Amino acid sequence: MTARAPFNVFDEIQTLTAICQPFAVATVVRTVAVTAAKAGAKAVIRSDGAISGGWIGGGCARAAVLKAARECLQDGKPRLIS
């Protein structure tokens, strides 16, 4: 079994751009409480709503990010959510 290379958000962006697949990029800009995701963490969300890689947290954060990503993919406008 060969080791898998770690996920690289920029490689994923390049791949999705090359195949003209819409996507959103979520970036954690700040955290307040104890959380698994840290500032600077990124995730790529495909047009089908699936996270193709990266990490932006779980639970409420994940749900809020996926909702905002769907909205961004519809209107093309960035969002800052908390």
PDB file of N, CA and C in Angstrom:
ATOM      1  N   MET A   1       0.840  -1.171   0.000  1.00  0.00           N
ATOM      2  CA  MET A   1       0.000   0.000   0.000  1.00  0.00           C
ATOM      3  C   MET A   1       0.891   1.241   0.000  1.00  0.00           C
ATOM      4  N   THR A   2       0.611   2.166  -0.921  1.00  0.00           N
ATOM      5  CA  THR A   2       1.416   3.368  -0.995  1.00  0.00           C
ATOM      6  C   THR A   2       0.765   4.486  -0.185  1.00  0.00           C
ATOM      7  N   ALA A   3       1.601   5.333   0.352  1.00  0.00           N
ATOM      8  CA  ALA A   3       1.094   6.462   1.137  1.00  0.00           C
ATOM      9  C   ALA A   3       0.471   7.496   0.203  1.00  0.00           C
ATOM     10  N   ARG A   4      -0.635   8.049   0.635  1.00  0.00           N
ATOM     11  CA  ARG A   4      -1.307   9.095  -0.129  1.00  0.00           C
ATOM     12  C   ARG A   4      -0.698  10.450   0.199  1.00  0.00           C
ATOM     13  N   ALA A   5      -0.503  11.263  -0.824  1.00  0.00           N
ATOM     14  CA  ALA A   5       0.035  12.608  -0.593  1.00  0.00           C
ATOM     15  C   ALA A   5      -0.995  13.421   0.175  1.00  0.00           C
ATOM     16  N   PRO A   6      -0.555  14.312   1.044  1.00  0.00           N
ATOM     17  CA  PRO A   6      -1.514  15.148   1.777  1.00  0.00           C
ATOM     18  C   PRO A   6      -2.297  16.028   0.804  1.00  0.00           C
ATOM     19  N   PHE A   7      -3.526  16.355   1.194  1.00  0.00           N
ATOM     20  CA  PHE A   7      -4.374  17.197   0.350  1.00  0.00           C
ATOM     21  C   PHE A   7      -3.749  18.573   0.211  1.00  0.00           C
ATOM     22  N   ASN A   8      -3.723  19.063  -1.022  1.00  0.00           N
ATOM     23  CA  ASN A   8      -3.223  20.402  -1.301  1.00  0.00           C
ATOM     24  C   ASN A   8      -4.361  21.194  -1.928  1.00  0.00           C
ATOM     25  N   VAL A   9      -4.871  22.186  -1.199  1.00  0.00           N
ATOM     26  CA  VAL A   9      -6.018  22.956  -1.653  1.00  0.00           C
ATOM     27  C   VAL A   9      -5.731  23.637  -2.994  1.00  0.00           C
ATOM     28  N   PHE A  10      -4.518  24.066  -3.210  1.00  0.00           N
ATOM     29  CA  PHE A  10      -4.187  24.763  -4.443  1.00  0.00           C
ATOM     30  C   PHE A  10      -4.154  23.820  -5.642  1.00  0.00           C
ATOM     31  N   ASP A  11      -3.717  22.586  -5.431  1.00  0.00           N
ATOM     32  CA  ASP A  11      -3.782  21.579  -6.499  1.00  0.00           C
ATOM     33  C   ASP A  11      -5.236  21.304  -6.876  1.00  0.00           C
ATOM     34  N   GLU A  12      -6.101  21.222  -5.876  1.00  0.00           N
ATOM     35  CA  GLU A  12      -7.523  20.958  -6.121  1.00  0.00           C
ATOM     36  C   GLU A  12      -8.151  22.124  -6.885  1.00  0.00           C
ATOM     37  N   ILE A  13      -7.827  23.348  -6.519  1.00  0.00           N
ATOM     38  CA  ILE A  13      -8.330  24.525  -7.228  1.00  0.00           C
ATOM     39  C   ILE A  13      -7.885  24.485  -8.687  1.00  0.00           C
ATOM     40  N   GLN A  14      -6.629  24.163  -8.911  1.00  0.00           N
ATOM     41  CA  GLN A  14      -6.092  24.089 -10.271  1.00  0.00           C
ATOM     42  C   GLN A  14      -6.809  23.005 -11.078  1.00  0.00           C
ATOM     43  N   THR A  15      -7.038  21.858 -10.476  1.00  0.00           N
ATOM     44  CA  THR A  15      -7.723  20.761 -11.157  1.00  0.00           C
ATOM     45  C   THR A  15      -9.151  21.146 -11.526  1.00  0.00           C
ATOM     46  N   LEU A  16      -9.901  21.681 -10.561  1.00  0.00           N
ATOM     47  CA  LEU A  16     -11.300  22.047 -10.826  1.00  0.00           C
ATOM     48  C   LEU A  16     -11.392  23.180 -11.845  1.00  0.00           C
ATOM     49  N   THR A  17     -10.469  24.111 -11.803  1.00  0.00           N
ATOM     50  CA  THR A  17     -10.444  25.198 -12.782  1.00  0.00           C
ATOM     51  C   THR A  17     -10.178  24.642 -14.184  1.00  0.00           C
ATOM     52  N   ALA A  18      -9.237  23.716 -14.283  1.00  0.00           N
ATOM     53  CA  ALA A  18      -8.875  23.134 -15.580  1.00  0.00           C
ATOM     54  C   ALA A  18     -10.042  22.402 -16.234  1.00  0.00           C
ATOM     55  N   ILE A  19     -10.916  21.807 -15.425  1.00  0.00           N
ATOM     56  CA  ILE A  19     -12.054  21.075 -15.999  1.00  0.00           C
ATOM     57  C   ILE A  19     -13.344  21.903 -15.964  1.00  0.00           C
ATOM     58  N   CYS A  20     -13.198  23.198 -15.698  1.00  0.00           N
ATOM     59  CA  CYS A  20     -14.333  24.140 -15.675  1.00  0.00           C
ATOM     60  C   CYS A  20     -15.432  23.708 -14.712  1.00  0.00           C
ATOM     61  N   GLN A  21     -15.030  23.172 -13.569  1.00  0.00           N
ATOM     62  CA  GLN A  21     -15.975  22.742 -12.535  1.00  0.00           C
ATOM     63  C   GLN A  21     -16.125  23.854 -11.505  1.00  0.00           C
ATOM     64  N   PRO A  22     -17.334  24.374 -11.297  1.00  0.00           N
ATOM     65  CA  PRO A  22     -17.519  25.426 -10.285  1.00  0.00           C
ATOM     66  C   PRO A  22     -17.169  24.916  -8.878  1.00  0.00           C
ATOM     67  N   PHE A  23     -16.648  25.814  -8.052  1.00  0.00           N
ATOM     68  CA  PHE A  23     -16.290  25.462  -6.683  1.00  0.00           C
ATOM     69  C   PHE A  23     -16.216  26.723  -5.842  1.00  0.00           C
ATOM     70  N   ALA A  24     -16.211  26.540  -4.547  1.00  0.00           N
ATOM     71  CA  ALA A  24     -15.999  27.628  -3.601  1.00  0.00           C
ATOM     72  C   ALA A  24     -14.837  27.229  -2.701  1.00  0.00           C
ATOM     73  N   VAL A  25     -14.121  28.217  -2.211  1.00  0.00           N
ATOM     74  CA  VAL A  25     -13.045  27.980  -1.258  1.00  0.00           C
ATOM     75  C   VAL A  25     -13.435  28.642   0.054  1.00  0.00           C
ATOM     76  N   ALA A  26     -13.423  27.864   1.116  1.00  0.00           N
ATOM     77  CA  ALA A  26     -13.713  28.389   2.452  1.00  0.00           C
ATOM     78  C   ALA A  26     -12.396  28.494   3.210  1.00  0.00           C
ATOM     79  N   THR A  27     -12.218  29.617   3.887  1.00  0.00           N
ATOM     80  CA  THR A  27     -11.018  29.835   4.687  1.00  0.00           C
ATOM     81  C   THR A  27     -11.431  30.271   6.088  1.00  0.00           C
ATOM     82  N   VAL A  28     -10.901  29.609   7.090  1.00  0.00           N
ATOM     83  CA  VAL A  28     -11.141  30.011   8.475  1.00  0.00           C
ATOM     84  C   VAL A  28     -10.272  31.237   8.726  1.00  0.00           C
ATOM     85  N   VAL A  29     -10.902  32.356   9.065  1.00  0.00           N
ATOM     86  CA  VAL A  29     -10.127  33.579   9.301  1.00  0.00           C
ATOM     87  C   VAL A  29      -9.901  33.855  10.779  1.00  0.00           C
ATOM     88  N   ARG A  30     -10.783  33.288  11.627  1.00  0.00           N
ATOM     89  CA  ARG A  30     -10.621  33.506  13.072  1.00  0.00           C
ATOM     90  C   ARG A  30     -11.432  32.455  13.815  1.00  0.00           C
ATOM     91  N   THR A  31     -10.926  32.041  14.947  1.00  0.00           N
ATOM     92  CA  THR A  31     -11.687  31.158  15.829  1.00  0.00           C
ATOM     93  C   THR A  31     -11.740  31.802  17.204  1.00  0.00           C
ATOM     94  N   VAL A  32     -12.800  31.491  17.942  1.00  0.00           N
ATOM     95  CA  VAL A  32     -12.965  32.084  19.265  1.00  0.00           C
ATOM     96  C   VAL A  32     -12.790  31.028  20.348  1.00  0.00           C
ATOM     97  N   ALA A  33     -13.552  29.973  20.257  1.00  0.00           N
ATOM     98  CA  ALA A  33     -13.490  28.912  21.261  1.00  0.00           C
ATOM     99  C   ALA A  33     -12.540  27.804  20.792  1.00  0.00           C
ATOM    100  N   VAL A  34     -12.373  26.810  21.617  1.00  0.00           N
ATOM    101  CA  VAL A  34     -11.562  25.655  21.260  1.00  0.00           C
ATOM    102  C   VAL A  34     -12.234  24.950  20.092  1.00  0.00           C
ATOM    103  N   THR A  35     -11.475  24.736  19.024  1.00  0.00           N
ATOM    104  CA  THR A  35     -12.008  24.105  17.823  1.00  0.00           C
ATOM    105  C   THR A  35     -10.901  23.357  17.102  1.00  0.00           C
ATOM    106  N   ALA A  36     -11.294  22.361  16.317  1.00  0.00           N
ATOM    107  CA  ALA A  36     -10.308  21.589  15.564  1.00  0.00           C
ATOM    108  C   ALA A  36      -9.734  22.405  14.407  1.00  0.00           C
ATOM    109  N   ALA A  37     -10.541  23.269  13.832  1.00  0.00           N
ATOM    110  CA  ALA A  37     -10.073  24.095  12.722  1.00  0.00           C
ATOM    111  C   ALA A  37      -9.373  25.337  13.273  1.00  0.00           C
ATOM    112  N   LYS A  38      -8.303  25.712  12.655  1.00  0.00           N
ATOM    113  CA  LYS A  38      -7.533  26.884  13.082  1.00  0.00           C
ATOM    114  C   LYS A  38      -7.535  27.927  11.985  1.00  0.00           C
ATOM    115  N   ALA A  39      -7.265  29.169  12.336  1.00  0.00           N
ATOM    116  CA  ALA A  39      -7.187  30.248  11.354  1.00  0.00           C
ATOM    117  C   ALA A  39      -6.220  29.854  10.240  1.00  0.00           C
ATOM    118  N   GLY A  40      -6.658  30.066   9.009  1.00  0.00           N
ATOM    119  CA  GLY A  40      -5.852  29.706   7.845  1.00  0.00           C
ATOM    120  C   GLY A  40      -6.262  28.383   7.221  1.00  0.00           C
ATOM    121  N   ALA A  41      -7.025  27.586   7.955  1.00  0.00           N
ATOM    122  CA  ALA A  41      -7.482  26.305   7.404  1.00  0.00           C
ATOM    123  C   ALA A  41      -8.397  26.573   6.208  1.00  0.00           C
ATOM    124  N   LYS A  42      -8.316  25.714   5.199  1.00  0.00           N
ATOM    125  CA  LYS A  42      -9.092  25.899   3.979  1.00  0.00           C
ATOM    126  C   LYS A  42      -9.775  24.596   3.579  1.00  0.00           C
ATOM    127  N   ALA A  43     -10.875  24.761   2.834  1.00  0.00           N
ATOM    128  CA  ALA A  43     -11.565  23.616   2.242  1.00  0.00           C
ATOM    129  C   ALA A  43     -12.104  24.037   0.889  1.00  0.00           C
ATOM    130  N   VAL A  44     -12.172  23.095  -0.020  1.00  0.00           N
ATOM    131  CA  VAL A  44     -12.745  23.319  -1.343  1.00  0.00           C
ATOM    132  C   VAL A  44     -14.103  22.639  -1.375  1.00  0.00           C
ATOM    133  N   ILE A  45     -15.132  23.400  -1.755  1.00  0.00           N
ATOM    134  CA  ILE A  45     -16.488  22.863  -1.828  1.00  0.00           C
ATOM    135  C   ILE A  45     -16.914  22.856  -3.289  1.00  0.00           C
ATOM    136  N   ARG A  46     -17.239  21.668  -3.796  1.00  0.00           N
ATOM    137  CA  ARG A  46     -17.660  21.529  -5.190  1.00  0.00           C
ATOM    138  C   ARG A  46     -19.096  21.993  -5.363  1.00  0.00           C
ATOM    139  N   SER A  47     -19.508  22.128  -6.599  1.00  0.00           N
ATOM    140  CA  SER A  47     -20.854  22.622  -6.908  1.00  0.00           C
ATOM    141  C   SER A  47     -21.953  21.680  -6.423  1.00  0.00           C
ATOM    142  N   ASP A  48     -21.618  20.402  -6.191  1.00  0.00           N
ATOM    143  CA  ASP A  48     -22.622  19.464  -5.669  1.00  0.00           C
ATOM    144  C   ASP A  48     -22.735  19.534  -4.151  1.00  0.00           C
ATOM    145  N   GLY A  49     -21.967  20.452  -3.528  1.00  0.00           N
ATOM    146  CA  GLY A  49     -22.025  20.642  -2.087  1.00  0.00           C
ATOM    147  C   GLY A  49     -21.067  19.774  -1.300  1.00  0.00           C
ATOM    148  N   ALA A  50     -20.327  18.929  -1.974  1.00  0.00           N
ATOM    149  CA  ALA A  50     -19.368  18.056  -1.292  1.00  0.00           C
ATOM    150  C   ALA A  50     -18.055  18.790  -1.045  1.00  0.00           C
ATOM    151  N   ILE A  51     -17.466  18.538   0.104  1.00  0.00           N
ATOM    152  CA  ILE A  51     -16.132  19.071   0.376  1.00  0.00           C
ATOM    153  C   ILE A  51     -15.148  18.109  -0.264  1.00  0.00           C
ATOM    154  N   SER A  52     -14.413  18.601  -1.247  1.00  0.00           N
ATOM    155  CA  SER A  52     -13.495  17.717  -1.960  1.00  0.00           C
ATOM    156  C   SER A  52     -12.161  17.592  -1.243  1.00  0.00           C
ATOM    157  N   GLY A  53     -11.938  18.402  -0.249  1.00  0.00           N
ATOM    158  CA  GLY A  53     -10.728  18.291   0.541  1.00  0.00           C
ATOM    159  C   GLY A  53     -10.552  19.495   1.433  1.00  0.00           C
ATOM    160  N   GLY A  54      -9.725  19.338   2.426  1.00  0.00           N
ATOM    161  CA  GLY A  54      -9.478  20.403   3.375  1.00  0.00           C
ATOM    162  C   GLY A  54     -10.319  20.227   4.626  1.00  0.00           C
ATOM    163  N   TRP A  55     -10.233  21.188   5.511  1.00  0.00           N
ATOM    164  CA  TRP A  55     -10.940  21.100   6.790  1.00  0.00           C
ATOM    165  C   TRP A  55     -11.309  22.488   7.270  1.00  0.00           C
ATOM    166  N   ILE A  56     -12.570  22.683   7.614  1.00  0.00           N
ATOM    167  CA  ILE A  56     -13.040  23.972   8.131  1.00  0.00           C
ATOM    168  C   ILE A  56     -13.815  23.776   9.429  1.00  0.00           C
ATOM    169  N   GLY A  57     -13.704  22.613  10.008  1.00  0.00           N
ATOM    170  CA  GLY A  57     -14.392  22.330  11.256  1.00  0.00           C
ATOM    171  C   GLY A  57     -15.576  21.419  11.032  1.00  0.00           C
ATOM    172  N   GLY A  58     -16.231  21.095  12.105  1.00  0.00           N
ATOM    173  CA  GLY A  58     -17.385  20.204  12.023  1.00  0.00           C
ATOM    174  C   GLY A  58     -18.602  20.874  12.616  1.00  0.00           C
ATOM    175  N   GLY A  59     -19.664  20.109  12.755  1.00  0.00           N
ATOM    176  CA  GLY A  59     -20.874  20.588  13.411  1.00  0.00           C
ATOM    177  C   GLY A  59     -21.463  21.824  12.786  1.00  0.00           C
ATOM    178  N   CYS A  60     -21.723  22.812  13.622  1.00  0.00           N
ATOM    179  CA  CYS A  60     -22.371  24.059  13.180  1.00  0.00           C
ATOM    180  C   CYS A  60     -21.526  24.802  12.153  1.00  0.00           C
ATOM    181  N   ALA A  61     -20.222  24.826  12.344  1.00  0.00           N
ATOM    182  CA  ALA A  61     -19.349  25.540  11.411  1.00  0.00           C
ATOM    183  C   ALA A  61     -19.452  24.934  10.017  1.00  0.00           C
ATOM    184  N   ARG A  62     -19.400  23.627   9.951  1.00  0.00           N
ATOM    185  CA  ARG A  62     -19.480  22.939   8.658  1.00  0.00           C
ATOM    186  C   ARG A  62     -20.810  23.240   7.971  1.00  0.00           C
ATOM    187  N   ALA A  63     -21.898  23.151   8.696  1.00  0.00           N
ATOM    188  CA  ALA A  63     -23.220  23.410   8.120  1.00  0.00           C
ATOM    189  C   ALA A  63     -23.318  24.841   7.609  1.00  0.00           C
ATOM    190  N   ALA A  64     -22.828  25.804   8.375  1.00  0.00           N
ATOM    191  CA  ALA A  64     -22.880  27.212   7.971  1.00  0.00           C
ATOM    192  C   ALA A  64     -22.023  27.458   6.736  1.00  0.00           C
ATOM    193  N   VAL A  65     -20.861  26.846   6.686  1.00  0.00           N
ATOM    194  CA  VAL A  65     -19.966  27.023   5.544  1.00  0.00           C
ATOM    195  C   VAL A  65     -20.576  26.416   4.285  1.00  0.00           C
ATOM    196  N   LEU A  66     -21.149  25.236   4.390  1.00  0.00           N
ATOM    197  CA  LEU A  66     -21.747  24.607   3.213  1.00  0.00           C
ATOM    198  C   LEU A  66     -22.928  25.421   2.697  1.00  0.00           C
ATOM    199  N   LYS A  67     -23.720  25.979   3.599  1.00  0.00           N
ATOM    200  CA  LYS A  67     -24.845  26.834   3.183  1.00  0.00           C
ATOM    201  C   LYS A  67     -24.324  28.071   2.461  1.00  0.00           C
ATOM    202  N   ALA A  68     -23.320  28.730   3.028  1.00  0.00           N
ATOM    203  CA  ALA A  68     -22.742  29.922   2.405  1.00  0.00           C
ATOM    204  C   ALA A  68     -22.097  29.584   1.061  1.00  0.00           C
ATOM    205  N   ALA A  69     -21.454  28.438   0.962  1.00  0.00           N
ATOM    206  CA  ALA A  69     -20.825  28.021  -0.298  1.00  0.00           C
ATOM    207  C   ALA A  69     -21.879  27.849  -1.390  1.00  0.00           C
ATOM    208  N   ARG A  70     -23.014  27.226  -1.053  1.00  0.00           N
ATOM    209  CA  ARG A  70     -24.092  27.072  -2.031  1.00  0.00           C
ATOM    210  C   ARG A  70     -24.564  28.431  -2.527  1.00  0.00           C
ATOM    211  N   GLU A  71     -24.725  29.375  -1.604  1.00  0.00           N
ATOM    212  CA  GLU A  71     -25.159  30.726  -1.972  1.00  0.00           C
ATOM    213  C   GLU A  71     -24.113  31.412  -2.857  1.00  0.00           C
ATOM    214  N   CYS A  72     -22.847  31.262  -2.512  1.00  0.00           N
ATOM    215  CA  CYS A  72     -21.765  31.860  -3.309  1.00  0.00           C
ATOM    216  C   CYS A  72     -21.740  31.284  -4.721  1.00  0.00           C
ATOM    217  N   LEU A  73     -21.954  29.999  -4.821  1.00  0.00           N
ATOM    218  CA  LEU A  73     -21.946  29.359  -6.132  1.00  0.00           C
ATOM    219  C   LEU A  73     -23.132  29.821  -6.979  1.00  0.00           C
ATOM    220  N   GLN A  74     -24.216  30.227  -6.338  1.00  0.00           N
ATOM    221  CA  GLN A  74     -25.382  30.722  -7.069  1.00  0.00           C
ATOM    222  C   GLN A  74     -25.197  32.155  -7.548  1.00  0.00           C
ATOM    223  N   ASP A  75     -24.662  33.027  -6.689  1.00  0.00           N
ATOM    224  CA  ASP A  75     -24.605  34.441  -7.072  1.00  0.00           C
ATOM    225  C   ASP A  75     -23.191  34.973  -7.324  1.00  0.00           C
ATOM    226  N   GLY A  76     -22.179  34.169  -7.059  1.00  0.00           N
ATOM    227  CA  GLY A  76     -20.801  34.576  -7.332  1.00  0.00           C
ATOM    228  C   GLY A  76     -20.226  35.594  -6.373  1.00  0.00           C
ATOM    229  N   LYS A  77     -20.926  35.856  -5.274  1.00  0.00           N
ATOM    230  CA  LYS A  77     -20.455  36.855  -4.301  1.00  0.00           C
ATOM    231  C   LYS A  77     -19.807  36.175  -3.097  1.00  0.00           C
ATOM    232  N   PRO A  78     -18.721  36.760  -2.598  1.00  0.00           N
ATOM    233  CA  PRO A  78     -18.060  36.181  -1.406  1.00  0.00           C
ATOM    234  C   PRO A  78     -18.904  36.426  -0.161  1.00  0.00           C
ATOM    235  N   ARG A  79     -18.644  35.646   0.863  1.00  0.00           N
ATOM    236  CA  ARG A  79     -19.342  35.777   2.137  1.00  0.00           C
ATOM    237  C   ARG A  79     -18.313  35.749   3.269  1.00  0.00           C
ATOM    238  N   LEU A  80     -18.636  36.458   4.335  1.00  0.00           N
ATOM    239  CA  LEU A  80     -17.902  36.342   5.600  1.00  0.00           C
ATOM    240  C   LEU A  80     -18.946  35.939   6.609  1.00  0.00           C
ATOM    241  N   ILE A  81     -18.823  34.742   7.152  1.00  0.00           N
ATOM    242  CA  ILE A  81     -19.831  34.241   8.082  1.00  0.00           C
ATOM    243  C   ILE A  81     -19.221  34.041   9.459  1.00  0.00           C
ATOM    244  N   SER A  82     -20.070  34.041  10.457  1.00  0.00           N
ATOM    245  CA  SER A  82     -19.584  33.788  11.820  1.00  0.00           C
ATOM    246  C   SER A  82     -20.566  32.900  12.537  1.00  0.00           C
TER     247      SER A  82
END
